[in-house]
Amino acid sequence: MKAKLTFKLPEDYEEFKMALDASSMHYCLFSLDQWLRGFLKYPPDDMSEEKYKTYQEVRDKLHELTNESNIEL
């Protein structure tokens, strides 16, 4: 199967740029998720419980937003 995206440039430049950058955006989201995962799995000894919960809330929100957008990390 093949797919082809067609843009009318310069009118559709913003949409073209977004499609072009999609894999980089996905990589950024994936990297952030993995960083949060590692931080939560191996927290520093001096991390407070409140700070730990905040990091967990951020990761949960990231998962919520990506799931709503049908983005698989």
PDB file of N, CA and C in Angstrom:
ATOM      1  N   MET A   1       0.848  -1.180   0.000  1.00  0.00           N
ATOM      2  CA  MET A   1       0.000   0.000   0.000  1.00  0.00           C
ATOM      3  C   MET A   1       0.884   1.230   0.000  1.00  0.00           C
ATOM      4  N   LYS A   2       0.475   2.231  -0.714  1.00  0.00           N
ATOM      5  CA  LYS A   2       1.183   3.494  -0.783  1.00  0.00           C
ATOM      6  C   LYS A   2       0.221   4.614  -0.424  1.00  0.00           C
ATOM      7  N   ALA A   3       0.794   5.670   0.136  1.00  0.00           N
ATOM      8  CA  ALA A   3       0.018   6.863   0.438  1.00  0.00           C
ATOM      9  C   ALA A   3       0.786   8.065  -0.092  1.00  0.00           C
ATOM     10  N   LYS A   4       0.060   9.048  -0.542  1.00  0.00           N
ATOM     11  CA  LYS A   4       0.692  10.228  -1.111  1.00  0.00           C
ATOM     12  C   LYS A   4      -0.016  11.460  -0.566  1.00  0.00           C
ATOM     13  N   LEU A   5       0.773  12.374  -0.006  1.00  0.00           N
ATOM     14  CA  LEU A   5       0.237  13.643   0.462  1.00  0.00           C
ATOM     15  C   LEU A   5       0.554  14.702  -0.581  1.00  0.00           C
ATOM     16  N   THR A   6      -0.419  15.537  -0.871  1.00  0.00           N
ATOM     17  CA  THR A   6      -0.229  16.589  -1.851  1.00  0.00           C
ATOM     18  C   THR A   6      -0.587  17.922  -1.205  1.00  0.00           C
ATOM     19  N   PHE A   7       0.273  18.902  -1.411  1.00  0.00           N
ATOM     20  CA  PHE A   7       0.057  20.232  -0.853  1.00  0.00           C
ATOM     21  C   PHE A   7       0.162  21.263  -1.964  1.00  0.00           C
ATOM     22  N   LYS A   8      -0.638  22.285  -1.861  1.00  0.00           N
ATOM     23  CA  LYS A   8      -0.570  23.401  -2.795  1.00  0.00           C
ATOM     24  C   LYS A   8       0.270  24.486  -2.125  1.00  0.00           C
ATOM     25  N   LEU A   9       1.525  24.571  -2.566  1.00  0.00           N
ATOM     26  CA  LEU A   9       2.444  25.538  -1.965  1.00  0.00           C
ATOM     27  C   LEU A   9       2.447  26.818  -2.790  1.00  0.00           C
ATOM     28  N   PRO A  10       2.563  27.949  -2.193  1.00  0.00           N
ATOM     29  CA  PRO A  10       2.879  28.213  -0.800  1.00  0.00           C
ATOM     30  C   PRO A  10       1.655  28.307   0.113  1.00  0.00           C
ATOM     31  N   GLU A  11       0.450  28.190  -0.451  1.00  0.00           N
ATOM     32  CA  GLU A  11      -0.760  28.359   0.355  1.00  0.00           C
ATOM     33  C   GLU A  11      -0.844  27.371   1.517  1.00  0.00           C
ATOM     34  N   ASP A  12      -0.456  26.125   1.292  1.00  0.00           N
ATOM     35  CA  ASP A  12      -0.566  25.084   2.318  1.00  0.00           C
ATOM     36  C   ASP A  12       0.740  24.853   3.063  1.00  0.00           C
ATOM     37  N   TYR A  13       1.591  25.873   3.120  1.00  0.00           N
ATOM     38  CA  TYR A  13       2.916  25.683   3.714  1.00  0.00           C
ATOM     39  C   TYR A  13       2.850  25.196   5.164  1.00  0.00           C
ATOM     40  N   GLU A  14       1.957  25.757   5.965  1.00  0.00           N
ATOM     41  CA  GLU A  14       1.867  25.359   7.376  1.00  0.00           C
ATOM     42  C   GLU A  14       1.519  23.875   7.522  1.00  0.00           C
ATOM     43  N   GLU A  15       0.553  23.404   6.749  1.00  0.00           N
ATOM     44  CA  GLU A  15       0.180  21.995   6.772  1.00  0.00           C
ATOM     45  C   GLU A  15       1.324  21.116   6.268  1.00  0.00           C
ATOM     46  N   PHE A  16       2.012  21.586   5.226  1.00  0.00           N
ATOM     47  CA  PHE A  16       3.167  20.871   4.685  1.00  0.00           C
ATOM     48  C   PHE A  16       4.266  20.745   5.741  1.00  0.00           C
ATOM     49  N   LYS A  17       4.564  21.832   6.419  1.00  0.00           N
ATOM     50  CA  LYS A  17       5.606  21.843   7.449  1.00  0.00           C
ATOM     51  C   LYS A  17       5.231  20.916   8.600  1.00  0.00           C
ATOM     52  N   MET A  18       3.965  20.910   8.995  1.00  0.00           N
ATOM     53  CA  MET A  18       3.522  20.033  10.071  1.00  0.00           C
ATOM     54  C   MET A  18       3.689  18.568   9.679  1.00  0.00           C
ATOM     55  N   ALA A  19       3.328  18.226   8.453  1.00  0.00           N
ATOM     56  CA  ALA A  19       3.486  16.848   7.978  1.00  0.00           C
ATOM     57  C   ALA A  19       4.959  16.470   7.905  1.00  0.00           C
ATOM     58  N   LEU A  20       5.771  17.404   7.485  1.00  0.00           N
ATOM     59  CA  LEU A  20       7.201  17.171   7.371  1.00  0.00           C
ATOM     60  C   LEU A  20       7.851  16.944   8.740  1.00  0.00           C
ATOM     61  N   ASP A  21       7.374  17.666   9.753  1.00  0.00           N
ATOM     62  CA  ASP A  21       7.955  17.598  11.098  1.00  0.00           C
ATOM     63  C   ASP A  21       7.316  16.544  11.996  1.00  0.00           C
ATOM     64  N   ALA A  22       6.333  15.814  11.515  1.00  0.00           N
ATOM     65  CA  ALA A  22       5.580  14.881  12.367  1.00  0.00           C
ATOM     66  C   ALA A  22       6.468  13.833  13.028  1.00  0.00           C
ATOM     67  N   SER A  23       7.416  13.271  12.312  1.00  0.00           N
ATOM     68  CA  SER A  23       8.257  12.238  12.922  1.00  0.00           C
ATOM     69  C   SER A  23       9.159  12.831  13.992  1.00  0.00           C
ATOM     70  N   SER A  24       9.618  14.057  13.808  1.00  0.00           N
ATOM     71  CA  SER A  24      10.423  14.717  14.842  1.00  0.00           C
ATOM     72  C   SER A  24       9.587  15.018  16.079  1.00  0.00           C
ATOM     73  N   MET A  25       8.357  15.442  15.866  1.00  0.00           N
ATOM     74  CA  MET A  25       7.464  15.708  16.995  1.00  0.00           C
ATOM     75  C   MET A  25       7.182  14.419  17.759  1.00  0.00           C
ATOM     76  N   HIS A  26       6.951  13.345  17.027  1.00  0.00           N
ATOM     77  CA  HIS A  26       6.706  12.057  17.668  1.00  0.00           C
ATOM     78  C   HIS A  26       7.923  11.638  18.490  1.00  0.00           C
ATOM     79  N   TYR A  27       9.108  11.808  17.933  1.00  0.00           N
ATOM     80  CA  TYR A  27      10.340  11.464  18.652  1.00  0.00           C
ATOM     81  C   TYR A  27      10.481  12.287  19.931  1.00  0.00           C
ATOM     82  N   CYS A  28      10.143  13.562  19.880  1.00  0.00           N
ATOM     83  CA  CYS A  28      10.208  14.415  21.075  1.00  0.00           C
ATOM     84  C   CYS A  28       9.245  13.924  22.160  1.00  0.00           C
ATOM     85  N   LEU A  29       8.027  13.601  21.769  1.00  0.00           N
ATOM     86  CA  LEU A  29       7.045  13.097  22.737  1.00  0.00           C
ATOM     87  C   LEU A  29       7.505  11.768  23.331  1.00  0.00           C
ATOM     88  N   PHE A  30       8.006  10.878  22.477  1.00  0.00           N
ATOM     89  CA  PHE A  30       8.499   9.588  22.944  1.00  0.00           C
ATOM     90  C   PHE A  30       9.679   9.777  23.909  1.00  0.00           C
ATOM     91  N   SER A  31      10.600  10.660  23.566  1.00  0.00           N
ATOM     92  CA  SER A  31      11.764  10.904  24.421  1.00  0.00           C
ATOM     93  C   SER A  31      11.360  11.491  25.764  1.00  0.00           C
ATOM     94  N   LEU A  32      10.404  12.410  25.755  1.00  0.00           N
ATOM     95  CA  LEU A  32       9.918  12.972  27.009  1.00  0.00           C
ATOM     96  C   LEU A  32       9.282  11.884  27.866  1.00  0.00           C
ATOM     97  N   ASP A  33       8.475  11.040  27.253  1.00  0.00           N
ATOM     98  CA  ASP A  33       7.841   9.949  27.994  1.00  0.00           C
ATOM     99  C   ASP A  33       8.884   9.015  28.603  1.00  0.00           C
ATOM    100  N   GLN A  34       9.912   8.689  27.849  1.00  0.00           N
ATOM    101  CA  GLN A  34      10.954   7.793  28.358  1.00  0.00           C
ATOM    102  C   GLN A  34      11.773   8.457  29.462  1.00  0.00           C
ATOM    103  N   TRP A  35      12.012   9.744  29.344  1.00  0.00           N
ATOM    104  CA  TRP A  35      12.729  10.467  30.393  1.00  0.00           C
ATOM    105  C   TRP A  35      11.909  10.470  31.686  1.00  0.00           C
ATOM    106  N   LEU A  36      10.623  10.771  31.565  1.00  0.00           N
ATOM    107  CA  LEU A  36       9.749  10.753  32.747  1.00  0.00           C
ATOM    108  C   LEU A  36       9.686   9.353  33.347  1.00  0.00           C
ATOM    109  N   ARG A  37       9.590   8.345  32.502  1.00  0.00           N
ATOM    110  CA  ARG A  37       9.542   6.955  32.978  1.00  0.00           C
ATOM    111  C   ARG A  37      10.791   6.617  33.788  1.00  0.00           C
ATOM    112  N   GLY A  38      11.956   6.943  33.252  1.00  0.00           N
ATOM    113  CA  GLY A  38      13.203   6.670  33.961  1.00  0.00           C
ATOM    114  C   GLY A  38      13.311   7.437  35.256  1.00  0.00           C
ATOM    115  N   PHE A  39      12.869   8.681  35.233  1.00  0.00           N
ATOM    116  CA  PHE A  39      12.916   9.515  36.428  1.00  0.00           C
ATOM    117  C   PHE A  39      12.007   8.959  37.515  1.00  0.00           C
ATOM    118  N   LEU A  40      10.842   8.450  37.111  1.00  0.00           N
ATOM    119  CA  LEU A  40       9.905   7.891  38.083  1.00  0.00           C
ATOM    120  C   LEU A  40      10.346   6.508  38.562  1.00  0.00           C
ATOM    121  N   LYS A  41      10.987   5.758  37.696  1.00  0.00           N
ATOM    122  CA  LYS A  41      11.434   4.423  38.068  1.00  0.00           C
ATOM    123  C   LYS A  41      12.648   4.474  38.991  1.00  0.00           C
ATOM    124  N   TYR A  42      13.518   5.443  38.760  1.00  0.00           N
ATOM    125  CA  TYR A  42      14.734   5.595  39.561  1.00  0.00           C
ATOM    126  C   TYR A  42      14.851   7.027  40.070  1.00  0.00           C
ATOM    127  N   PRO A  43      13.955   7.411  40.980  1.00  0.00           N
ATOM    128  CA  PRO A  43      13.972   8.795  41.459  1.00  0.00           C
ATOM    129  C   PRO A  43      15.209   9.058  42.327  1.00  0.00           C
ATOM    130  N   PRO A  44      15.680  10.301  42.324  1.00  0.00           N
ATOM    131  CA  PRO A  44      16.782  10.643  43.221  1.00  0.00           C
ATOM    132  C   PRO A  44      16.370  10.411  44.677  1.00  0.00           C
ATOM    133  N   ASP A  45      17.327  10.069  45.505  1.00  0.00           N
ATOM    134  CA  ASP A  45      17.025   9.782  46.915  1.00  0.00           C
ATOM    135  C   ASP A  45      16.415  10.971  47.641  1.00  0.00           C
ATOM    136  N   ASP A  46      16.770  12.170  47.233  1.00  0.00           N
ATOM    137  CA  ASP A  46      16.279  13.357  47.931  1.00  0.00           C
ATOM    138  C   ASP A  46      14.981  13.922  47.350  1.00  0.00           C
ATOM    139  N   MET A  47      14.340  13.189  46.429  1.00  0.00           N
ATOM    140  CA  MET A  47      13.098  13.681  45.830  1.00  0.00           C
ATOM    141  C   MET A  47      11.940  13.544  46.809  1.00  0.00           C
ATOM    142  N   SER A  48      11.197  14.627  46.949  1.00  0.00           N
ATOM    143  CA  SER A  48      10.032  14.603  47.844  1.00  0.00           C
ATOM    144  C   SER A  48       8.892  13.825  47.200  1.00  0.00           C
ATOM    145  N   GLU A  49       7.989  13.360  48.034  1.00  0.00           N
ATOM    146  CA  GLU A  49       6.813  12.635  47.542  1.00  0.00           C
ATOM    147  C   GLU A  49       5.952  13.551  46.669  1.00  0.00           C
ATOM    148  N   GLU A  50       5.866  14.810  47.054  1.00  0.00           N
ATOM    149  CA  GLU A  50       5.071  15.773  46.284  1.00  0.00           C
ATOM    150  C   GLU A  50       5.654  15.961  44.886  1.00  0.00           C
ATOM    151  N   LYS A  51       6.953  16.077  44.792  1.00  0.00           N
ATOM    152  CA  LYS A  51       7.609  16.230  43.490  1.00  0.00           C
ATOM    153  C   LYS A  51       7.428  14.974  42.645  1.00  0.00           C
ATOM    154  N   TYR A  52       7.534  13.814  43.275  1.00  0.00           N
ATOM    155  CA  TYR A  52       7.332  12.552  42.563  1.00  0.00           C
ATOM    156  C   TYR A  52       5.921  12.500  41.983  1.00  0.00           C
ATOM    157  N   LYS A  53       4.934  12.875  42.784  1.00  0.00           N
ATOM    158  CA  LYS A  53       3.547  12.862  42.321  1.00  0.00           C
ATOM    159  C   LYS A  53       3.343  13.840  41.159  1.00  0.00           C
ATOM    160  N   THR A  54       4.025  14.972  41.199  1.00  0.00           N
ATOM    161  CA  THR A  54       3.920  15.954  40.119  1.00  0.00           C
ATOM    162  C   THR A  54       4.460  15.377  38.817  1.00  0.00           C
ATOM    163  N   TYR A  55       5.618  14.723  38.874  1.00  0.00           N
ATOM    164  CA  TYR A  55       6.166  14.089  37.681  1.00  0.00           C
ATOM    165  C   TYR A  55       5.213  13.012  37.151  1.00  0.00           C
ATOM    166  N   GLN A  56       4.598  12.261  38.051  1.00  0.00           N
ATOM    167  CA  GLN A  56       3.655  11.229  37.632  1.00  0.00           C
ATOM    168  C   GLN A  56       2.432  11.852  36.965  1.00  0.00           C
ATOM    169  N   GLU A  57       1.959  12.970  37.517  1.00  0.00           N
ATOM    170  CA  GLU A  57       0.813  13.663  36.911  1.00  0.00           C
ATOM    171  C   GLU A  57       1.152  14.158  35.503  1.00  0.00           C
ATOM    172  N   VAL A  58       2.365  14.659  35.318  1.00  0.00           N
ATOM    173  CA  VAL A  58       2.787  15.128  34.000  1.00  0.00           C
ATOM    174  C   VAL A  58       2.804  13.963  33.021  1.00  0.00           C
ATOM    175  N   ARG A  59       3.362  12.835  33.434  1.00  0.00           N
ATOM    176  CA  ARG A  59       3.409  11.669  32.546  1.00  0.00           C
ATOM    177  C   ARG A  59       1.999  11.162  32.241  1.00  0.00           C
ATOM    178  N   ASP A  60       1.143  11.133  33.249  1.00  0.00           N
ATOM    179  CA  ASP A  60      -0.240  10.707  33.027  1.00  0.00           C
ATOM    180  C   ASP A  60      -0.945  11.634  32.031  1.00  0.00           C
ATOM    181  N   LYS A  61      -0.707  12.948  32.159  1.00  0.00           N
ATOM    182  CA  LYS A  61      -1.329  13.909  31.248  1.00  0.00           C
ATOM    183  C   LYS A  61      -0.792  13.725  29.835  1.00  0.00           C
ATOM    184  N   LEU A  62       0.502  13.485  29.701  1.00  0.00           N
ATOM    185  CA  LEU A  62       1.085  13.218  28.386  1.00  0.00           C
ATOM    186  C   LEU A  62       0.411  12.011  27.751  1.00  0.00           C
ATOM    187  N   HIS A  63       0.217  10.942  28.520  1.00  0.00           N
ATOM    188  CA  HIS A  63      -0.445   9.742  28.001  1.00  0.00           C
ATOM    189  C   HIS A  63      -1.904  10.024  27.638  1.00  0.00           C
ATOM    190  N   GLU A  64      -2.572  10.811  28.458  1.00  0.00           N
ATOM    191  CA  GLU A  64      -3.964  11.160  28.179  1.00  0.00           C
ATOM    192  C   GLU A  64      -4.073  11.916  26.852  1.00  0.00           C
ATOM    193  N   LEU A  65      -3.211  12.905  26.659  1.00  0.00           N
ATOM    194  CA  LEU A  65      -3.250  13.708  25.443  1.00  0.00           C
ATOM    195  C   LEU A  65      -2.883  12.906  24.208  1.00  0.00           C
ATOM    196  N   THR A  66      -1.868  12.057  24.321  1.00  0.00           N
ATOM    197  CA  THR A  66      -1.482  11.254  23.154  1.00  0.00           C
ATOM    198  C   THR A  66      -2.555  10.222  22.833  1.00  0.00           C
ATOM    199  N   ASN A  67      -3.173   9.658  23.846  1.00  0.00           N
ATOM    200  CA  ASN A  67      -4.256   8.686  23.599  1.00  0.00           C
ATOM    201  C   ASN A  67      -5.455   9.358  22.922  1.00  0.00           C
ATOM    202  N   GLU A  68      -5.800  10.563  23.374  1.00  0.00           N
ATOM    203  CA  GLU A  68      -6.912  11.290  22.761  1.00  0.00           C
ATOM    204  C   GLU A  68      -6.633  11.625  21.300  1.00  0.00           C
ATOM    205  N   SER A  69      -5.361  11.794  20.981  1.00  0.00           N
ATOM    206  CA  SER A  69      -4.962  12.136  19.615  1.00  0.00           C
ATOM    207  C   SER A  69      -4.574  10.923  18.780  1.00  0.00           C
ATOM    208  N   ASN A  70      -4.792   9.733  19.346  1.00  0.00           N
ATOM    209  CA  ASN A  70      -4.440   8.481  18.673  1.00  0.00           C
ATOM    210  C   ASN A  70      -2.962   8.422  18.279  1.00  0.00           C
ATOM    211  N   ILE A  71      -2.117   8.895  19.174  1.00  0.00           N
ATOM    212  CA  ILE A  71      -0.671   8.838  18.976  1.00  0.00           C
ATOM    213  C   ILE A  71      -0.116   7.732  19.850  1.00  0.00           C
ATOM    214  N   GLU A  72       0.533   6.766  19.234  1.00  0.00           N
ATOM    215  CA  GLU A  72       1.128   5.661  19.983  1.00  0.00           C
ATOM    216  C   GLU A  72       2.594   5.966  20.253  1.00  0.00           C
ATOM    217  N   LEU A  73       2.944   5.978  21.524  1.00  0.00           N
ATOM    218  CA  LEU A  73       4.342   6.164  21.880  1.00  0.00           C
ATOM    219  C   LEU A  73       4.940   4.810  22.083  1.00  0.00           C
TER     220      LEU A  73
END
